Amino acid sequence: MGGGVLLNVVIELEGRERYEEANLFGHSEEEEKVHQFTVGSYGQVHDHVGGWRSDDVLFVEWSGISGGRPMTEKIRYEWKGADMFEVHETDVTAGKVQGTFVFTVTRTSPPIKEQMAMPT
């Protein structure tokens, strides 16, 4: 099994239903691309694909169908330090921007000091 990063997200906004999301990131050496496979509590399943724009900026994009209409999610991750990054997301449905969001993500668990052993 190759290396990957699992990012679990919980968003609680006043007046809105709690949202949870699991994101598995992996790098495909053959494609030279990064994949972000997302499963969310609102029922979405997406495979975003992209790559590194610089040492601290990752860009991924998903295009598919949502609510019966074509949709694209464009996500830029920008690292601000070892334990913090910003997420800039733009959602486009049927060619029209539906929303632009900026989130700041901060590590809440201690960093892993050693690589985990993977079964072979």
C-alpha atoms as a PDB file:
ATOM      1  CA  MET A   1       0.000   0.000   0.000  1.00  0.00           C
ATOM      2  CA  GLY A   2       1.324   3.448  -0.890  1.00  0.00           C
ATOM      3  CA  GLY A   3       1.394   6.516   1.287  1.00  0.00           C
ATOM      4  CA  GLY A   4      -1.579   8.764   1.831  1.00  0.00           C
ATOM      5  CA  VAL A   5      -3.020  11.384   4.137  1.00  0.00           C
ATOM      6  CA  LEU A   6      -6.438  11.167   5.780  1.00  0.00           C
ATOM      7  CA  LEU A   7      -8.129  14.472   6.640  1.00  0.00           C
ATOM      8  CA  ASN A   8     -11.362  14.344   8.641  1.00  0.00           C
ATOM      9  CA  VAL A   9     -13.419  17.544   8.719  1.00  0.00           C
ATOM     10  CA  VAL A  10     -16.283  18.585  11.006  1.00  0.00           C
ATOM     11  CA  ILE A  11     -18.016  21.898  10.336  1.00  0.00           C
ATOM     12  CA  GLU A  12     -20.579  23.324  12.731  1.00  0.00           C
ATOM     13  CA  LEU A  13     -22.126  26.616  11.653  1.00  0.00           C
ATOM     14  CA  GLU A  14     -24.847  28.339  13.609  1.00  0.00           C
ATOM     15  CA  GLY A  15     -28.254  27.699  12.053  1.00  0.00           C
ATOM     16  CA  ARG A  16     -27.005  24.895   9.767  1.00  0.00           C
ATOM     17  CA  GLU A  17     -26.849  21.149  10.006  1.00  0.00           C
ATOM     18  CA  ARG A  18     -23.527  19.691  11.217  1.00  0.00           C
ATOM     19  CA  TYR A  19     -21.344  18.587   8.292  1.00  0.00           C
ATOM     20  CA  GLU A  20     -18.727  15.844   8.338  1.00  0.00           C
ATOM     21  CA  GLU A  21     -16.317  14.817   5.614  1.00  0.00           C
ATOM     22  CA  ALA A  22     -13.502  12.289   5.147  1.00  0.00           C
ATOM     23  CA  ASN A  23     -10.784  13.074   2.599  1.00  0.00           C
ATOM     24  CA  LEU A  24      -8.109  10.619   1.522  1.00  0.00           C
ATOM     25  CA  PHE A  25      -5.209  12.222  -0.363  1.00  0.00           C
ATOM     26  CA  GLY A  26      -2.760  10.213  -2.427  1.00  0.00           C
ATOM     27  CA  HIS A  27      -0.169  10.875  -5.121  1.00  0.00           C
ATOM     28  CA  SER A  28      -0.217   8.872  -8.360  1.00  0.00           C
ATOM     29  CA  GLU A  29       3.352   8.646  -9.626  1.00  0.00           C
ATOM     30  CA  GLU A  30       2.208   7.280 -13.006  1.00  0.00           C
ATOM     31  CA  GLU A  31      -0.182  10.202 -13.564  1.00  0.00           C
ATOM     32  CA  GLU A  32       1.969  12.709 -11.669  1.00  0.00           C
ATOM     33  CA  LYS A  33      -1.236  13.910 -10.004  1.00  0.00           C
ATOM     34  CA  VAL A  34      -2.719  14.198  -6.545  1.00  0.00           C
ATOM     35  CA  HIS A  35      -6.125  12.610  -5.885  1.00  0.00           C
ATOM     36  CA  GLN A  36      -8.429  13.750  -3.086  1.00  0.00           C
ATOM     37  CA  PHE A  37     -11.218  11.227  -2.600  1.00  0.00           C
ATOM     38  CA  THR A  38     -14.024  12.819  -0.572  1.00  0.00           C
ATOM     39  CA  VAL A  39     -17.053  11.271   1.149  1.00  0.00           C
ATOM     40  CA  GLY A  40     -19.373  13.746   2.899  1.00  0.00           C
ATOM     41  CA  SER A  41     -22.315  13.504   5.282  1.00  0.00           C
ATOM     42  CA  TYR A  42     -24.621  15.185   2.737  1.00  0.00           C
ATOM     43  CA  GLY A  43     -24.214  12.133   0.472  1.00  0.00           C
ATOM     44  CA  GLN A  44     -21.518  13.361  -1.909  1.00  0.00           C
ATOM     45  CA  VAL A  45     -18.676  11.190  -3.200  1.00  0.00           C
ATOM     46  CA  HIS A  46     -16.021  12.978  -5.285  1.00  0.00           C
ATOM     47  CA  ASP A  47     -12.587  12.214  -6.714  1.00  0.00           C
ATOM     48  CA  HIS A  48     -10.798  15.551  -7.020  1.00  0.00           C
ATOM     49  CA  VAL A  49      -7.653  15.533  -9.162  1.00  0.00           C
ATOM     50  CA  GLY A  50      -4.851  18.067  -9.352  1.00  0.00           C
ATOM     51  CA  GLY A  51      -1.318  18.796  -8.327  1.00  0.00           C
ATOM     52  CA  TRP A  52       1.164  20.999  -6.540  1.00  0.00           C
ATOM     53  CA  ARG A  53       1.386  24.558  -7.884  1.00  0.00           C
ATOM     54  CA  SER A  54       4.287  25.377  -5.551  1.00  0.00           C
ATOM     55  CA  ASP A  55       5.906  23.990  -2.393  1.00  0.00           C
ATOM     56  CA  ASP A  56       2.969  25.167  -0.272  1.00  0.00           C
ATOM     57  CA  VAL A  57      -0.015  25.316  -2.674  1.00  0.00           C
ATOM     58  CA  LEU A  58      -2.026  22.271  -3.783  1.00  0.00           C
ATOM     59  CA  PHE A  59      -4.863  22.645  -6.305  1.00  0.00           C
ATOM     60  CA  VAL A  60      -7.504  19.961  -6.995  1.00  0.00           C
ATOM     61  CA  GLU A  61     -10.714  19.975  -9.004  1.00  0.00           C
ATOM     62  CA  TRP A  62     -13.796  17.772  -9.356  1.00  0.00           C
ATOM     63  CA  SER A  63     -16.384  17.931 -12.130  1.00  0.00           C
ATOM     64  CA  GLY A  64     -19.579  15.908 -12.090  1.00  0.00           C
ATOM     65  CA  ILE A  65     -23.316  16.062 -11.470  1.00  0.00           C
ATOM     66  CA  SER A  66     -24.967  17.491  -8.351  1.00  0.00           C
ATOM     67  CA  GLY A  67     -28.727  17.847  -8.050  1.00  0.00           C
ATOM     68  CA  GLY A  68     -29.039  16.767 -11.686  1.00  0.00           C
ATOM     69  CA  ARG A  69     -26.889  19.665 -12.914  1.00  0.00           C
ATOM     70  CA  PRO A  70     -23.232  19.878 -13.968  1.00  0.00           C
ATOM     71  CA  MET A  71     -21.015  21.068 -11.130  1.00  0.00           C
ATOM     72  CA  THR A  72     -17.330  21.819 -10.592  1.00  0.00           C
ATOM     73  CA  GLU A  73     -15.483  22.221  -7.291  1.00  0.00           C
ATOM     74  CA  LYS A  74     -12.136  24.003  -7.412  1.00  0.00           C
ATOM     75  CA  ILE A  75     -10.102  23.745  -4.218  1.00  0.00           C
ATOM     76  CA  ARG A  76      -6.779  25.405  -3.387  1.00  0.00           C
ATOM     77  CA  TYR A  77      -4.918  24.396  -0.224  1.00  0.00           C
ATOM     78  CA  GLU A  78      -2.311  26.873   0.980  1.00  0.00           C
ATOM     79  CA  TRP A  79      -0.031  25.919   3.870  1.00  0.00           C
ATOM     80  CA  LYS A  80       0.618  28.681   6.400  1.00  0.00           C
ATOM     81  CA  GLY A  81       2.880  26.625   8.663  1.00  0.00           C
ATOM     82  CA  ALA A  82       3.481  23.082   9.881  1.00  0.00           C
ATOM     83  CA  ASP A  83       0.140  22.927  11.702  1.00  0.00           C
ATOM     84  CA  MET A  84      -2.142  25.231   9.682  1.00  0.00           C
ATOM     85  CA  PHE A  85      -3.426  25.700   6.151  1.00  0.00           C
ATOM     86  CA  GLU A  86      -6.178  27.589   4.344  1.00  0.00           C
ATOM     87  CA  VAL A  87      -8.750  26.026   2.048  1.00  0.00           C
ATOM     88  CA  HIS A  88     -10.143  28.187  -0.775  1.00  0.00           C
ATOM     89  CA  GLU A  89     -13.110  26.524  -2.507  1.00  0.00           C
ATOM     90  CA  THR A  90     -15.215  27.743  -5.415  1.00  0.00           C
ATOM     91  CA  ASP A  91     -18.349  25.835  -6.434  1.00  0.00           C
ATOM     92  CA  VAL A  92     -19.710  26.330  -9.954  1.00  0.00           C
ATOM     93  CA  THR A  93     -23.083  24.899 -11.044  1.00  0.00           C
ATOM     94  CA  ALA A  94     -24.242  25.091 -14.660  1.00  0.00           C
ATOM     95  CA  GLY A  95     -21.494  27.646 -15.374  1.00  0.00           C
ATOM     96  CA  LYS A  96     -22.464  29.995 -12.518  1.00  0.00           C
ATOM     97  CA  VAL A  97     -20.483  30.493  -9.296  1.00  0.00           C
ATOM     98  CA  GLN A  98     -22.700  29.279  -6.452  1.00  0.00           C
ATOM     99  CA  GLY A  99     -20.309  29.920  -3.611  1.00  0.00           C
ATOM    100  CA  THR A 100     -16.776  30.777  -2.603  1.00  0.00           C
ATOM    101  CA  PHE A 101     -15.538  29.633   0.779  1.00  0.00           C
ATOM    102  CA  VAL A 102     -12.352  30.136   2.783  1.00  0.00           C
ATOM    103  CA  PHE A 103     -11.582  27.913   5.767  1.00  0.00           C
ATOM    104  CA  THR A 104      -8.587  27.885   8.081  1.00  0.00           C
ATOM    105  CA  VAL A 105      -7.617  24.396   9.238  1.00  0.00           C
ATOM    106  CA  THR A 106      -5.472  23.888  12.338  1.00  0.00           C
ATOM    107  CA  ARG A 107      -4.061  20.582  13.581  1.00  0.00           C
ATOM    108  CA  THR A 108      -5.915  19.353  16.681  1.00  0.00           C
ATOM    109  CA  SER A 109      -4.010  16.111  17.234  1.00  0.00           C
ATOM    110  CA  PRO A 110      -0.306  15.774  17.926  1.00  0.00           C
ATOM    111  CA  PRO A 111       1.843  15.144  14.833  1.00  0.00           C
ATOM    112  CA  ILE A 112       3.012  11.591  14.234  1.00  0.00           C
ATOM    113  CA  LYS A 113       6.740  11.480  14.917  1.00  0.00           C
ATOM    114  CA  GLU A 114       7.405   8.212  13.090  1.00  0.00           C
ATOM    115  CA  GLN A 115       5.933   6.731   9.938  1.00  0.00           C
ATOM    116  CA  MET A 116       3.340   4.063  10.530  1.00  0.00           C
ATOM    117  CA  ALA A 117       4.226   0.562   9.416  1.00  0.00           C
ATOM    118  CA  MET A 118       2.129  -0.539   6.442  1.00  0.00           C
ATOM    119  CA  PRO A 119       1.311  -4.211   5.726  1.00  0.00           C
ATOM    120  CA  THR A 120       2.951  -5.645   2.629  1.00  0.00           C
END
